[in-house]
Amino acid sequence: MSDIAMDAARLLEMLPESEQHFAYELIKKLVRAWDPDFTRLTPEEANRLAVAEKSGFVDEKDIDWENLRRTYQ
């Protein structure tokens, strides 16, 4: 988690519970406005995806979804 996100969480903890809920709803609206269908990647997610793709990541188009039996050779 970034330093800014951790600072924001610390600030939220200082508020009364009702105000925490208000702030949470505001943050949710900001995130949904920025990425309404939750398809954007954060820098951390993009990095994790790049590492996964370079480490033997299997593309879903290479999977035979009709025949998922495990075969041993």
C-alpha atoms as a PDB file:
ATOM      1  CA  MET A   1       0.000   0.000   0.000  1.00  0.00           C
ATOM      2  CA  SER A   2       1.293   3.446  -0.843  1.00  0.00           C
ATOM      3  CA  ASP A   3       2.247   5.959   1.838  1.00  0.00           C
ATOM      4  CA  ILE A   4      -0.642   8.212   0.803  1.00  0.00           C
ATOM      5  CA  ALA A   5      -3.159   5.376   1.160  1.00  0.00           C
ATOM      6  CA  MET A   6      -1.778   4.499   4.585  1.00  0.00           C
ATOM      7  CA  ASP A   7      -1.952   8.161   5.638  1.00  0.00           C
ATOM      8  CA  ALA A   8      -5.553   8.336   4.420  1.00  0.00           C
ATOM      9  CA  ALA A   9      -6.421   5.230   6.446  1.00  0.00           C
ATOM     10  CA  ARG A  10      -4.813   6.767   9.543  1.00  0.00           C
ATOM     11  CA  LEU A  11      -6.805   9.954   9.034  1.00  0.00           C
ATOM     12  CA  LEU A  12     -10.029   7.985   8.631  1.00  0.00           C
ATOM     13  CA  GLU A  13      -9.377   6.221  11.929  1.00  0.00           C
ATOM     14  CA  MET A  14      -9.377   9.607  13.676  1.00  0.00           C
ATOM     15  CA  LEU A  15     -12.961  10.325  12.608  1.00  0.00           C
ATOM     16  CA  PRO A  16     -16.116   9.213  14.417  1.00  0.00           C
ATOM     17  CA  GLU A  17     -17.650   6.067  12.885  1.00  0.00           C
ATOM     18  CA  SER A  18     -20.456   7.968  11.121  1.00  0.00           C
ATOM     19  CA  GLU A  19     -17.919  10.273   9.476  1.00  0.00           C
ATOM     20  CA  GLN A  20     -15.745   7.275   8.544  1.00  0.00           C
ATOM     21  CA  HIS A  21     -18.723   5.850   6.662  1.00  0.00           C
ATOM     22  CA  PHE A  22     -19.275   9.169   4.870  1.00  0.00           C
ATOM     23  CA  ALA A  23     -15.592   9.356   3.851  1.00  0.00           C
ATOM     24  CA  TYR A  24     -15.650   5.720   2.706  1.00  0.00           C
ATOM     25  CA  GLU A  25     -18.674   6.373   0.473  1.00  0.00           C
ATOM     26  CA  LEU A  26     -16.940   9.439  -0.984  1.00  0.00           C
ATOM     27  CA  ILE A  27     -13.814   7.394  -1.771  1.00  0.00           C
ATOM     28  CA  LYS A  28     -15.977   4.705  -3.392  1.00  0.00           C
ATOM     29  CA  LYS A  29     -17.593   7.349  -5.631  1.00  0.00           C
ATOM     30  CA  LEU A  30     -14.177   8.716  -6.618  1.00  0.00           C
ATOM     31  CA  VAL A  31     -12.887   5.256  -7.530  1.00  0.00           C
ATOM     32  CA  ARG A  32     -16.014   4.418  -9.518  1.00  0.00           C
ATOM     33  CA  ALA A  33     -15.782   7.710 -11.400  1.00  0.00           C
ATOM     34  CA  TRP A  34     -12.134   6.990 -12.220  1.00  0.00           C
ATOM     35  CA  ASP A  35     -12.794   3.358 -13.218  1.00  0.00           C
ATOM     36  CA  PRO A  36     -16.525   2.591 -13.450  1.00  0.00           C
ATOM     37  CA  ASP A  37     -16.105  -1.006 -14.602  1.00  0.00           C
ATOM     38  CA  PHE A  38     -13.028  -1.793 -12.459  1.00  0.00           C
ATOM     39  CA  THR A  39     -10.766  -2.586 -15.422  1.00  0.00           C
ATOM     40  CA  ARG A  40      -7.849  -0.216 -14.829  1.00  0.00           C
ATOM     41  CA  LEU A  41      -4.724  -1.455 -13.135  1.00  0.00           C
ATOM     42  CA  THR A  42      -2.892   0.308 -10.365  1.00  0.00           C
ATOM     43  CA  PRO A  43       0.888   0.550 -10.837  1.00  0.00           C
ATOM     44  CA  GLU A  44       1.320  -2.310  -8.341  1.00  0.00           C
ATOM     45  CA  GLU A  45      -1.206  -4.497 -10.179  1.00  0.00           C
ATOM     46  CA  ALA A  46       0.436  -3.739 -13.537  1.00  0.00           C
ATOM     47  CA  ASN A  47       3.801  -4.761 -12.120  1.00  0.00           C
ATOM     48  CA  ARG A  48       2.397  -7.999 -10.665  1.00  0.00           C
ATOM     49  CA  LEU A  49       0.732  -8.802 -13.989  1.00  0.00           C
ATOM     50  CA  ALA A  50       3.970  -8.200 -15.921  1.00  0.00           C
ATOM     51  CA  VAL A  51       5.874 -10.497 -13.548  1.00  0.00           C
ATOM     52  CA  ALA A  52       3.206 -13.191 -13.900  1.00  0.00           C
ATOM     53  CA  GLU A  53       3.244 -13.001 -17.687  1.00  0.00           C
ATOM     54  CA  LYS A  54       7.024 -13.443 -17.751  1.00  0.00           C
ATOM     55  CA  SER A  55       6.983 -16.408 -15.367  1.00  0.00           C
ATOM     56  CA  GLY A  56       5.086 -19.004 -17.364  1.00  0.00           C
ATOM     57  CA  PHE A  57       1.693 -17.354 -17.283  1.00  0.00           C
ATOM     58  CA  VAL A  58      -0.866 -19.343 -19.270  1.00  0.00           C
ATOM     59  CA  ASP A  59      -3.126 -17.319 -21.541  1.00  0.00           C
ATOM     60  CA  GLU A  60      -6.778 -18.333 -21.254  1.00  0.00           C
ATOM     61  CA  LYS A  61      -7.046 -18.746 -25.043  1.00  0.00           C
ATOM     62  CA  ASP A  62      -4.535 -21.606 -24.721  1.00  0.00           C
ATOM     63  CA  ILE A  63      -6.812 -23.554 -22.358  1.00  0.00           C
ATOM     64  CA  ASP A  64      -9.225 -26.186 -23.655  1.00  0.00           C
ATOM     65  CA  TRP A  65     -12.167 -25.206 -21.440  1.00  0.00           C
ATOM     66  CA  GLU A  66     -14.234 -28.146 -22.682  1.00  0.00           C
ATOM     67  CA  ASN A  67     -11.636 -30.674 -21.509  1.00  0.00           C
ATOM     68  CA  LEU A  68     -10.117 -29.675 -18.182  1.00  0.00           C
ATOM     69  CA  ARG A  69      -9.053 -33.156 -17.103  1.00  0.00           C
ATOM     70  CA  ARG A  70      -5.523 -33.226 -15.771  1.00  0.00           C
ATOM     71  CA  THR A  71      -3.222 -35.412 -17.837  1.00  0.00           C
ATOM     72  CA  TYR A  72       0.107 -36.688 -16.610  1.00  0.00           C
ATOM     73  CA  GLN A  73       2.902 -37.578 -18.945  1.00  0.00           C
END
